[in-house]
């Protein structure tokens, strides 16, 4: 008897997005990493784009 067409005959690899969503600690780490990279990058860009302050 053949398996139904909507079911794969052998289990495949679990996609990366599903593994990340299934692991709350990995999701937390990814969220913190993205926030750190964006805010730090944005802050550095702001500091580097400031004009030099005129001294009296």
N, C-alpha and C. Protein backbone atom coordinates (compact mmCIF):
# COMPACT_ATOMS: atom_id res chain seq x y z
N UNK A 1 0.84 -1.18 0.00
CA UNK A 1 0.00 0.00 0.00
C UNK A 1 0.89 1.25 0.00
N UNK A 2 0.60 2.20 -0.86
CA UNK A 2 1.38 3.42 -0.97
C UNK A 2 0.95 4.43 0.09
N UNK A 3 1.90 5.25 0.58
CA UNK A 3 1.50 6.30 1.52
C UNK A 3 0.74 7.39 0.79
N UNK A 4 -0.12 8.11 1.51
CA UNK A 4 -0.85 9.21 0.85
C UNK A 4 0.13 10.24 0.30
N UNK A 5 -0.25 10.97 -0.76
CA UNK A 5 0.68 11.92 -1.39
C UNK A 5 1.04 13.11 -0.50
N UNK A 6 0.19 13.44 0.49
CA UNK A 6 0.51 14.59 1.33
C UNK A 6 1.47 14.25 2.46
N UNK A 7 1.76 12.98 2.65
CA UNK A 7 2.70 12.55 3.69
C UNK A 7 3.99 12.05 3.05
N UNK A 8 5.14 12.57 3.49
CA UNK A 8 6.39 12.04 2.93
C UNK A 8 6.66 10.63 3.46
N UNK A 9 7.29 9.82 2.64
CA UNK A 9 7.53 8.44 3.04
C UNK A 9 8.65 8.33 4.07
N UNK A 10 9.61 9.27 4.04
CA UNK A 10 10.68 9.26 5.04
C UNK A 10 10.75 10.62 5.71
N UNK A 11 11.05 10.65 6.99
CA UNK A 11 11.12 11.94 7.68
C UNK A 11 12.32 12.74 7.19
N UNK A 12 12.09 14.01 6.91
CA UNK A 12 13.15 14.87 6.41
C UNK A 12 13.77 15.67 7.53
N UNK A 13 14.68 16.54 7.15
CA UNK A 13 15.31 17.40 8.13
C UNK A 13 14.33 18.48 8.56
N UNK A 14 14.41 18.87 9.83
CA UNK A 14 13.56 19.93 10.33
C UNK A 14 14.14 21.26 9.86
N UNK A 15 13.32 22.14 9.28
CA UNK A 15 13.83 23.42 8.79
C UNK A 15 14.40 24.27 9.92
N UNK A 16 15.34 25.14 9.58
CA UNK A 16 16.01 25.98 10.56
C UNK A 16 15.03 26.89 11.29
N UNK A 17 14.09 27.50 10.57
CA UNK A 17 13.13 28.41 11.20
C UNK A 17 12.29 27.67 12.24
N UNK A 18 11.91 26.44 11.97
CA UNK A 18 11.12 25.68 12.92
C UNK A 18 11.94 25.31 14.15
N UNK A 19 13.22 24.99 13.95
CA UNK A 19 14.08 24.68 15.10
C UNK A 19 14.26 25.89 15.99
N UNK A 20 14.40 27.08 15.38
CA UNK A 20 14.57 28.31 16.17
C UNK A 20 13.29 28.61 16.93
N UNK A 21 12.14 28.49 16.28
CA UNK A 21 10.87 28.80 16.92
C UNK A 21 10.51 27.78 18.01
N UNK A 22 11.01 26.58 17.92
CA UNK A 22 10.71 25.56 18.92
C UNK A 22 11.60 25.67 20.15
N UNK A 23 12.71 26.40 20.07
CA UNK A 23 13.63 26.51 21.19
C UNK A 23 13.56 27.93 21.77
N UNK A 24 12.92 28.11 22.94
CA UNK A 24 12.76 29.47 23.47
C UNK A 24 14.08 30.13 23.84
N UNK A 25 15.06 29.37 24.29
CA UNK A 25 16.34 29.98 24.66
C UNK A 25 17.11 30.46 23.43
N UNK A 26 17.03 29.71 22.36
CA UNK A 26 17.66 30.13 21.11
C UNK A 26 16.95 31.35 20.54
N UNK A 27 15.63 31.40 20.68
CA UNK A 27 14.86 32.55 20.23
C UNK A 27 15.21 33.79 21.05
N UNK A 28 15.38 33.63 22.37
CA UNK A 28 15.78 34.74 23.23
C UNK A 28 17.18 35.22 22.85
N UNK A 29 18.10 34.31 22.65
CA UNK A 29 19.46 34.68 22.28
C UNK A 29 19.49 35.40 20.93
N UNK A 30 18.72 34.93 19.99
CA UNK A 30 18.65 35.58 18.68
C UNK A 30 18.06 36.97 18.78
N UNK A 31 17.03 37.14 19.60
CA UNK A 31 16.43 38.46 19.80
C UNK A 31 17.39 39.43 20.44
N UNK A 32 18.12 38.98 21.45
CA UNK A 32 19.10 39.85 22.10
C UNK A 32 20.24 40.20 21.16
N UNK A 33 20.69 39.24 20.39
CA UNK A 33 21.78 39.49 19.45
C UNK A 33 21.38 40.50 18.38
N UNK A 34 20.19 40.36 17.83
CA UNK A 34 19.72 41.29 16.81
C UNK A 34 19.58 42.70 17.40
N UNK A 35 19.00 42.79 18.60
CA UNK A 35 18.85 44.09 19.24
C UNK A 35 20.21 44.72 19.53
N UNK A 36 21.14 43.96 20.03
CA UNK A 36 22.47 44.47 20.33
C UNK A 36 23.18 44.98 19.08
N UNK A 37 23.12 44.19 18.01
CA UNK A 37 23.81 44.58 16.77
C UNK A 37 23.19 45.84 16.18
N UNK A 38 21.87 45.92 16.12
CA UNK A 38 21.23 47.08 15.51
C UNK A 38 21.43 48.34 16.35
N UNK A 39 21.21 48.27 17.66
CA UNK A 39 21.34 49.46 18.49
C UNK A 39 22.79 49.90 18.61
N UNK A 40 23.71 48.98 18.70
CA UNK A 40 25.12 49.35 18.76
C UNK A 40 25.58 49.94 17.44
N UNK A 41 25.17 49.33 16.34
CA UNK A 41 25.52 49.86 15.03
C UNK A 41 24.92 51.24 14.80
N UNK A 42 23.68 51.42 15.20
CA UNK A 42 23.02 52.71 15.05
C UNK A 42 23.72 53.77 15.89
N UNK A 43 24.07 53.42 17.13
CA UNK A 43 24.77 54.36 18.01
C UNK A 43 26.14 54.74 17.47
N UNK A 44 26.88 53.77 16.99
CA UNK A 44 28.19 54.07 16.41
C UNK A 44 28.08 54.94 15.17
N UNK A 45 27.09 54.68 14.35
CA UNK A 45 26.87 55.50 13.16
C UNK A 45 26.53 56.95 13.56
N UNK A 46 25.71 57.11 14.59
CA UNK A 46 25.36 58.45 15.05
C UNK A 46 26.59 59.18 15.59
N UNK A 47 27.41 58.51 16.37
CA UNK A 47 28.59 59.13 16.96
C UNK A 47 29.59 59.50 15.86
N UNK A 48 29.78 58.64 14.90
CA UNK A 48 30.73 58.91 13.83
C UNK A 48 30.25 59.99 12.87
N UNK A 49 28.95 60.21 12.79
CA UNK A 49 28.43 61.21 11.86
C UNK A 49 28.28 62.59 12.50
N UNK A 50 28.60 62.74 13.78
CA UNK A 50 28.51 64.04 14.44
C UNK A 50 29.61 64.97 13.94
N UNK A 51 29.29 66.24 13.86
CA UNK A 51 30.30 67.23 13.51
C UNK A 51 31.19 67.50 14.73
N UNK A 52 32.39 67.95 14.48
CA UNK A 52 33.30 68.24 15.57
C UNK A 52 32.79 69.48 16.30
N UNK A 53 32.78 69.43 17.62
CA UNK A 53 32.29 70.55 18.42
C UNK A 53 33.29 71.72 18.37
N UNK A 54 32.79 72.93 18.17
CA UNK A 54 33.70 74.09 18.18
C UNK A 54 34.09 74.42 19.61
N UNK A 55 35.37 74.61 19.82
CA UNK A 55 35.85 74.95 21.16
C UNK A 55 35.92 76.47 21.28
N UNK A 56 35.63 77.02 22.46
CA UNK A 56 35.67 78.48 22.63
C UNK A 56 37.07 79.03 22.61
